[in-house]
């Protein structure tokens, strides 16, 4: 692993420590905030799924933004630990327009 990769991983680790944690379940994403709030966002309530890239230091991060009926939007990066679980759960939910094997890089 190169220097830039180590810096990026350290940056994301620090950012995640202050951000809500997401756990992908079969039919929902469980959201746990650092202040202790805990709730679920059901895939049945999914309204948008947008894939884009974001410049992060020396590389592009692939981001999937999910919007829900309650107005909340959450983002997953392709290097997040739950990425594979997320795309498989989205495929099973039938709530996205194309299967992940078509749009996933």
N, C-alpha and C. Protein backbone atom coordinates (compact mmCIF):
# COMPACT_ATOMS: atom_id res chain seq x y z
N UNK A 1 0.86 -1.17 0.00
CA UNK A 1 0.00 0.00 0.00
C UNK A 1 0.91 1.23 0.00
N UNK A 2 0.62 2.16 -0.91
CA UNK A 2 1.42 3.37 -1.03
C UNK A 2 1.07 4.41 0.03
N UNK A 3 1.87 5.45 0.07
CA UNK A 3 1.68 6.53 1.04
C UNK A 3 0.31 7.19 0.89
N UNK A 4 -0.07 7.50 -0.36
CA UNK A 4 -1.35 8.17 -0.61
C UNK A 4 -2.50 7.29 -0.15
N UNK A 5 -2.41 5.99 -0.40
CA UNK A 5 -3.45 5.07 0.05
C UNK A 5 -3.58 5.06 1.57
N UNK A 6 -2.44 5.06 2.27
CA UNK A 6 -2.47 5.08 3.74
C UNK A 6 -3.09 6.37 4.26
N UNK A 7 -2.77 7.50 3.62
CA UNK A 7 -3.35 8.78 4.03
C UNK A 7 -4.85 8.78 3.81
N UNK A 8 -5.29 8.28 2.66
CA UNK A 8 -6.72 8.23 2.37
C UNK A 8 -7.47 7.33 3.35
N UNK A 9 -6.91 6.18 3.64
CA UNK A 9 -7.57 5.27 4.58
C UNK A 9 -7.65 5.89 5.97
N UNK A 10 -6.58 6.57 6.40
CA UNK A 10 -6.60 7.23 7.71
C UNK A 10 -7.64 8.34 7.73
N UNK A 11 -7.74 9.11 6.65
CA UNK A 11 -8.72 10.18 6.54
C UNK A 11 -10.14 9.62 6.67
N UNK A 12 -10.43 8.57 5.92
CA UNK A 12 -11.77 7.99 5.96
C UNK A 12 -12.07 7.36 7.31
N UNK A 13 -11.09 6.74 7.94
CA UNK A 13 -11.30 6.17 9.29
C UNK A 13 -11.70 7.26 10.27
N UNK A 14 -11.00 8.38 10.21
CA UNK A 14 -11.30 9.50 11.12
C UNK A 14 -12.67 10.09 10.83
N UNK A 15 -12.99 10.24 9.55
CA UNK A 15 -14.29 10.77 9.16
C UNK A 15 -15.41 9.86 9.62
N UNK A 16 -15.24 8.56 9.46
CA UNK A 16 -16.27 7.59 9.86
C UNK A 16 -16.49 7.56 11.36
N UNK A 17 -15.46 7.86 12.14
CA UNK A 17 -15.59 7.84 13.60
C UNK A 17 -16.59 8.86 14.08
N UNK A 18 -16.77 9.96 13.32
CA UNK A 18 -17.71 11.02 13.70
C UNK A 18 -19.00 10.96 12.91
N UNK A 19 -19.10 10.03 12.00
CA UNK A 19 -20.27 9.91 11.14
C UNK A 19 -21.17 8.79 11.62
N UNK A 20 -22.44 8.81 11.20
CA UNK A 20 -23.31 7.68 11.52
C UNK A 20 -22.74 6.38 10.95
N UNK A 21 -23.01 5.29 11.61
CA UNK A 21 -22.60 3.98 11.11
C UNK A 21 -23.80 3.33 10.44
N UNK A 22 -23.52 2.64 9.34
CA UNK A 22 -24.57 1.97 8.59
C UNK A 22 -24.30 0.47 8.58
N UNK A 23 -25.35 -0.30 8.78
CA UNK A 23 -25.26 -1.75 8.68
C UNK A 23 -26.34 -2.20 7.72
N UNK A 24 -25.96 -2.90 6.68
CA UNK A 24 -26.91 -3.35 5.67
C UNK A 24 -27.54 -4.65 6.12
N UNK A 25 -28.86 -4.65 6.14
CA UNK A 25 -29.63 -5.84 6.47
C UNK A 25 -30.34 -6.29 5.20
N UNK A 26 -31.09 -7.37 5.26
CA UNK A 26 -31.76 -7.91 4.08
C UNK A 26 -32.73 -6.92 3.45
N UNK A 27 -33.50 -6.21 4.28
CA UNK A 27 -34.54 -5.33 3.75
C UNK A 27 -34.38 -3.87 4.14
N UNK A 28 -33.23 -3.53 4.76
CA UNK A 28 -33.08 -2.17 5.26
C UNK A 28 -31.61 -1.84 5.53
N UNK A 29 -31.39 -0.56 5.79
CA UNK A 29 -30.09 -0.09 6.28
C UNK A 29 -30.31 0.38 7.71
N UNK A 30 -29.55 -0.15 8.64
CA UNK A 30 -29.65 0.28 10.03
C UNK A 30 -28.67 1.43 10.23
N UNK A 31 -29.16 2.54 10.78
CA UNK A 31 -28.37 3.74 10.99
C UNK A 31 -28.18 3.94 12.49
N UNK A 32 -26.91 4.07 12.91
CA UNK A 32 -26.59 4.33 14.31
C UNK A 32 -25.73 5.59 14.36
N UNK A 33 -26.23 6.62 15.03
CA UNK A 33 -25.51 7.88 15.17
C UNK A 33 -24.60 7.83 16.39
N UNK A 34 -23.51 8.62 16.39
CA UNK A 34 -22.60 8.65 17.54
C UNK A 34 -23.30 9.04 18.85
N UNK A 35 -24.42 9.81 18.76
CA UNK A 35 -25.14 10.22 19.98
C UNK A 35 -26.09 9.14 20.49
N UNK A 36 -26.11 7.97 19.82
CA UNK A 36 -26.92 6.86 20.28
C UNK A 36 -28.24 6.64 19.55
N UNK A 37 -28.67 7.61 18.74
CA UNK A 37 -29.90 7.41 17.97
C UNK A 37 -29.71 6.22 17.03
N UNK A 38 -30.75 5.42 16.88
CA UNK A 38 -30.68 4.20 16.10
C UNK A 38 -32.02 3.99 15.40
N UNK A 39 -31.99 3.77 14.09
CA UNK A 39 -33.22 3.51 13.35
C UNK A 39 -32.90 2.78 12.06
N UNK A 40 -33.96 2.36 11.36
CA UNK A 40 -33.81 1.62 10.11
C UNK A 40 -34.42 2.41 8.96
N UNK A 41 -33.77 2.33 7.80
CA UNK A 41 -34.31 2.88 6.56
C UNK A 41 -34.60 1.69 5.66
N UNK A 42 -35.88 1.46 5.41
CA UNK A 42 -36.30 0.29 4.63
C UNK A 42 -36.06 0.51 3.14
N UNK A 43 -35.61 -0.55 2.45
CA UNK A 43 -35.44 -0.45 1.00
C UNK A 43 -36.79 -0.22 0.31
N UNK A 44 -37.88 -0.63 0.94
CA UNK A 44 -39.21 -0.38 0.38
C UNK A 44 -39.51 1.11 0.31
N UNK A 45 -38.82 1.92 1.13
CA UNK A 45 -39.00 3.37 1.14
C UNK A 45 -37.96 4.11 0.30
N UNK A 46 -37.18 3.37 -0.47
CA UNK A 46 -36.15 3.96 -1.31
C UNK A 46 -36.79 4.74 -2.47
N UNK A 47 -36.38 6.00 -2.65
CA UNK A 47 -36.92 6.82 -3.74
C UNK A 47 -35.90 7.09 -4.83
N UNK A 48 -34.61 7.20 -4.47
CA UNK A 48 -33.57 7.45 -5.47
C UNK A 48 -32.31 6.66 -5.12
N UNK A 49 -31.60 6.29 -6.16
CA UNK A 49 -30.28 5.67 -6.03
C UNK A 49 -29.41 6.29 -7.11
N UNK A 50 -28.41 7.06 -6.69
CA UNK A 50 -27.57 7.79 -7.65
C UNK A 50 -26.12 7.39 -7.45
N UNK A 51 -25.50 6.96 -8.54
CA UNK A 51 -24.09 6.58 -8.51
C UNK A 51 -23.27 7.70 -9.14
N UNK A 52 -22.22 8.14 -8.45
CA UNK A 52 -21.35 9.18 -8.99
C UNK A 52 -19.94 9.03 -8.42
N UNK A 53 -19.02 9.79 -8.97
CA UNK A 53 -17.66 9.75 -8.40
C UNK A 53 -17.36 11.10 -7.76
N UNK A 54 -16.50 11.05 -6.78
CA UNK A 54 -16.11 12.25 -6.04
C UNK A 54 -14.58 12.27 -5.94
N UNK A 55 -14.00 13.42 -6.22
CA UNK A 55 -12.55 13.56 -6.09
C UNK A 55 -12.18 13.58 -4.61
N UNK A 56 -11.31 12.68 -4.22
CA UNK A 56 -10.82 12.62 -2.84
C UNK A 56 -9.30 12.55 -2.92
N UNK A 57 -8.67 13.67 -2.65
CA UNK A 57 -7.20 13.76 -2.73
C UNK A 57 -6.72 13.27 -4.10
N UNK A 58 -6.05 12.15 -4.13
CA UNK A 58 -5.39 11.71 -5.36
C UNK A 58 -6.17 10.64 -6.13
N UNK A 59 -7.38 10.36 -5.73
CA UNK A 59 -8.15 9.35 -6.47
C UNK A 59 -9.63 9.72 -6.46
N UNK A 60 -10.41 9.02 -7.26
CA UNK A 60 -11.84 9.22 -7.29
C UNK A 60 -12.51 8.14 -6.45
N UNK A 61 -13.43 8.56 -5.62
CA UNK A 61 -14.22 7.61 -4.83
C UNK A 61 -15.55 7.39 -5.56
N UNK A 62 -15.96 6.16 -5.67
CA UNK A 62 -17.25 5.82 -6.26
C UNK A 62 -18.27 5.85 -5.12
N UNK A 63 -19.31 6.68 -5.29
CA UNK A 63 -20.29 6.92 -4.23
C UNK A 63 -21.68 6.52 -4.72
N UNK A 64 -22.42 5.82 -3.90
CA UNK A 64 -23.82 5.51 -4.16
C UNK A 64 -24.65 6.23 -3.12
N UNK A 65 -25.46 7.19 -3.58
CA UNK A 65 -26.33 7.96 -2.68
C UNK A 65 -27.73 7.38 -2.75
N UNK A 66 -28.29 7.05 -1.60
CA UNK A 66 -29.64 6.49 -1.51
C UNK A 66 -30.56 7.50 -0.83
N UNK A 67 -31.66 7.83 -1.48
CA UNK A 67 -32.64 8.74 -0.91
C UNK A 67 -33.89 7.97 -0.50
N UNK A 68 -34.47 8.37 0.62
CA UNK A 68 -35.62 7.65 1.17
C UNK A 68 -36.81 8.59 1.31
N UNK A 69 -38.00 8.03 1.51
CA UNK A 69 -39.23 8.82 1.57
C UNK A 69 -39.26 9.81 2.72
N UNK A 70 -38.47 9.57 3.77
CA UNK A 70 -38.44 10.50 4.90
C UNK A 70 -37.55 11.71 4.63
N UNK A 71 -36.96 11.79 3.43
CA UNK A 71 -36.11 12.90 3.05
C UNK A 71 -34.64 12.69 3.35
N UNK A 72 -34.31 11.61 4.00
CA UNK A 72 -32.91 11.35 4.35
C UNK A 72 -32.16 10.75 3.16
N UNK A 73 -30.93 11.18 2.99
CA UNK A 73 -30.04 10.63 1.97
C UNK A 73 -28.79 10.12 2.67
N UNK A 74 -28.40 8.90 2.35
CA UNK A 74 -27.17 8.34 2.91
C UNK A 74 -26.27 7.95 1.75
N UNK A 75 -24.96 7.95 2.02
CA UNK A 75 -24.00 7.64 0.98
C UNK A 75 -23.11 6.49 1.40
N UNK A 76 -22.81 5.64 0.43
CA UNK A 76 -21.87 4.54 0.61
C UNK A 76 -20.77 4.70 -0.42
N UNK A 77 -19.52 4.51 -0.02
CA UNK A 77 -18.40 4.51 -0.94
C UNK A 77 -18.09 3.06 -1.32
N UNK A 78 -17.56 2.89 -2.52
CA UNK A 78 -17.28 1.54 -2.99
C UNK A 78 -16.28 0.80 -2.11
N UNK A 79 -15.45 1.52 -1.36
CA UNK A 79 -14.50 0.84 -0.49
C UNK A 79 -15.03 0.64 0.94
N UNK A 80 -16.32 0.95 1.17
CA UNK A 80 -16.93 0.68 2.47
C UNK A 80 -17.05 -0.83 2.68
N UNK A 81 -16.92 -1.28 3.92
CA UNK A 81 -16.99 -2.72 4.19
C UNK A 81 -18.31 -3.37 3.78
N UNK A 82 -19.42 -2.63 3.84
CA UNK A 82 -20.73 -3.20 3.52
C UNK A 82 -21.14 -3.03 2.05
N UNK A 83 -20.23 -2.59 1.19
CA UNK A 83 -20.58 -2.31 -0.21
C UNK A 83 -21.20 -3.52 -0.90
N UNK A 84 -20.56 -4.67 -0.83
CA UNK A 84 -21.07 -5.87 -1.50
C UNK A 84 -22.44 -6.27 -0.96
N UNK A 85 -22.59 -6.22 0.35
CA UNK A 85 -23.89 -6.53 0.96
C UNK A 85 -24.96 -5.57 0.46
N UNK A 86 -24.59 -4.28 0.36
CA UNK A 86 -25.53 -3.26 -0.08
C UNK A 86 -26.01 -3.52 -1.50
N UNK A 87 -25.10 -3.74 -2.43
CA UNK A 87 -25.53 -3.92 -3.81
C UNK A 87 -26.33 -5.20 -3.99
N UNK A 88 -25.98 -6.25 -3.25
CA UNK A 88 -26.78 -7.48 -3.33
C UNK A 88 -28.17 -7.26 -2.73
N UNK A 89 -28.26 -6.54 -1.63
CA UNK A 89 -29.56 -6.25 -1.02
C UNK A 89 -30.41 -5.38 -1.95
N UNK A 90 -29.78 -4.41 -2.62
CA UNK A 90 -30.53 -3.58 -3.58
C UNK A 90 -31.03 -4.41 -4.74
N UNK A 91 -30.20 -5.32 -5.24
CA UNK A 91 -30.64 -6.22 -6.32
C UNK A 91 -31.85 -7.04 -5.89
N UNK A 92 -31.79 -7.60 -4.68
CA UNK A 92 -32.90 -8.42 -4.17
C UNK A 92 -34.16 -7.60 -3.95
N UNK A 93 -33.99 -6.32 -3.58
CA UNK A 93 -35.15 -5.49 -3.27
C UNK A 93 -36.00 -5.16 -4.50
N UNK A 94 -35.37 -5.16 -5.67
CA UNK A 94 -36.10 -4.81 -6.89
C UNK A 94 -36.39 -3.32 -6.99
N UNK A 95 -35.75 -2.49 -6.17
CA UNK A 95 -36.03 -1.05 -6.12
C UNK A 95 -35.08 -0.22 -6.97
N UNK A 96 -34.16 -0.86 -7.69
CA UNK A 96 -33.26 -0.11 -8.56
C UNK A 96 -33.53 -0.52 -10.01
N UNK A 97 -33.25 0.40 -10.92
CA UNK A 97 -33.60 0.20 -12.32
C UNK A 97 -32.81 -0.88 -13.04
N UNK A 98 -31.54 -1.01 -12.72
CA UNK A 98 -30.70 -2.00 -13.38
C UNK A 98 -29.97 -2.83 -12.33
N UNK A 99 -29.71 -4.10 -12.65
CA UNK A 99 -28.94 -4.92 -11.71
C UNK A 99 -27.54 -4.33 -11.50
N UNK A 100 -26.98 -4.56 -10.34
CA UNK A 100 -25.69 -3.96 -9.99
C UNK A 100 -24.56 -4.44 -10.90
N UNK A 101 -24.66 -5.63 -11.48
CA UNK A 101 -23.58 -6.10 -12.34
C UNK A 101 -23.46 -5.27 -13.62
N UNK A 102 -24.46 -4.47 -13.93
CA UNK A 102 -24.41 -3.59 -15.10
C UNK A 102 -23.72 -2.28 -14.77
N UNK A 103 -24.04 -1.66 -13.63
CA UNK A 103 -23.49 -0.35 -13.31
C UNK A 103 -22.30 -0.36 -12.38
N UNK A 104 -22.05 -1.48 -11.71
CA UNK A 104 -20.95 -1.53 -10.76
C UNK A 104 -19.61 -1.58 -11.49
N UNK A 105 -18.67 -0.79 -11.02
CA UNK A 105 -17.35 -0.73 -11.66
C UNK A 105 -16.45 -1.83 -11.16
